[in-house]
Amino acid sequence: MEQILVAHDLPTRIIDLGVKSYLGSGTPAALQVLLEDKWTALLLLSTREDEQ
């Protein structure tokens, strides 16, 4: 996901959400973008709607 945003010149930062056990799959994390890039990032990362 971060690569998609970086490819569109949106600065991102990975945020560690803390130490929790997820059956050995690592710790939870989130991507942070600038407030003015929020809707662009959401559109880029959302699933495509079926065209009718």
Protein backbone atom coordinates (compact mmCIF):
# COMPACT_ATOMS: atom_id res chain seq x y z
CA MET A 1 0.00 0.00 0.00
CA GLU A 2 2.79 2.40 0.84
CA GLN A 3 4.34 1.85 -2.60
CA ILE A 4 1.10 2.89 -4.31
CA LEU A 5 1.03 6.16 -2.37
CA VAL A 6 4.74 6.86 -2.92
CA ALA A 7 4.30 6.21 -6.66
CA HIS A 8 1.75 9.04 -6.67
CA ASP A 9 4.12 11.37 -4.74
CA LEU A 10 2.14 11.19 -1.51
CA PRO A 11 4.45 11.28 1.52
CA THR A 12 3.69 8.46 3.95
CA ARG A 13 4.87 7.26 7.32
CA ILE A 14 4.44 3.81 8.89
CA ILE A 15 3.12 4.00 12.44
CA ASP A 16 3.67 1.12 14.88
CA LEU A 17 0.43 0.53 16.77
CA GLY A 18 2.09 -1.26 19.66
CA VAL A 19 3.11 -4.71 20.71
CA LYS A 20 0.24 -7.17 20.39
CA SER A 21 0.25 -10.85 19.67
CA TYR A 22 -1.11 -11.70 16.22
CA LEU A 23 -0.19 -15.40 16.13
CA GLY A 24 3.39 -14.72 15.17
CA SER A 25 2.61 -12.49 12.19
CA GLY A 26 4.21 -9.34 13.58
CA THR A 27 2.87 -6.21 15.19
CA PRO A 28 -0.01 -4.10 13.85
CA ALA A 29 0.92 -1.00 11.88
CA ALA A 30 -0.83 1.82 10.01
CA LEU A 31 0.05 4.24 7.22
CA GLN A 32 -0.14 7.96 7.93
CA VAL A 33 -0.53 10.58 5.21
CA LEU A 34 -0.81 14.35 5.33
CA LEU A 35 -4.30 15.66 6.06
CA GLU A 36 -4.56 17.33 2.64
CA ASP A 37 -3.74 13.97 0.99
CA LYS A 38 -6.28 11.95 2.99
CA TRP A 39 -9.00 11.63 0.34
CA THR A 40 -6.54 11.00 -2.49
CA ALA A 41 -4.96 8.18 -0.45
CA LEU A 42 -8.36 6.70 0.39
CA LEU A 43 -9.37 6.70 -3.27
CA LEU A 44 -6.09 5.14 -4.38
CA LEU A 45 -6.29 2.36 -1.78
CA SER A 46 -10.02 1.64 -2.02
CA THR A 47 -11.47 -1.21 -4.06
CA ARG A 48 -12.82 -0.43 -7.49
CA GLU A 49 -16.57 -0.17 -7.83
CA ASP A 50 -18.24 -2.15 -10.58
CA GLU A 51 -19.00 0.04 -13.57
CA GLN A 52 -22.56 -0.23 -14.86
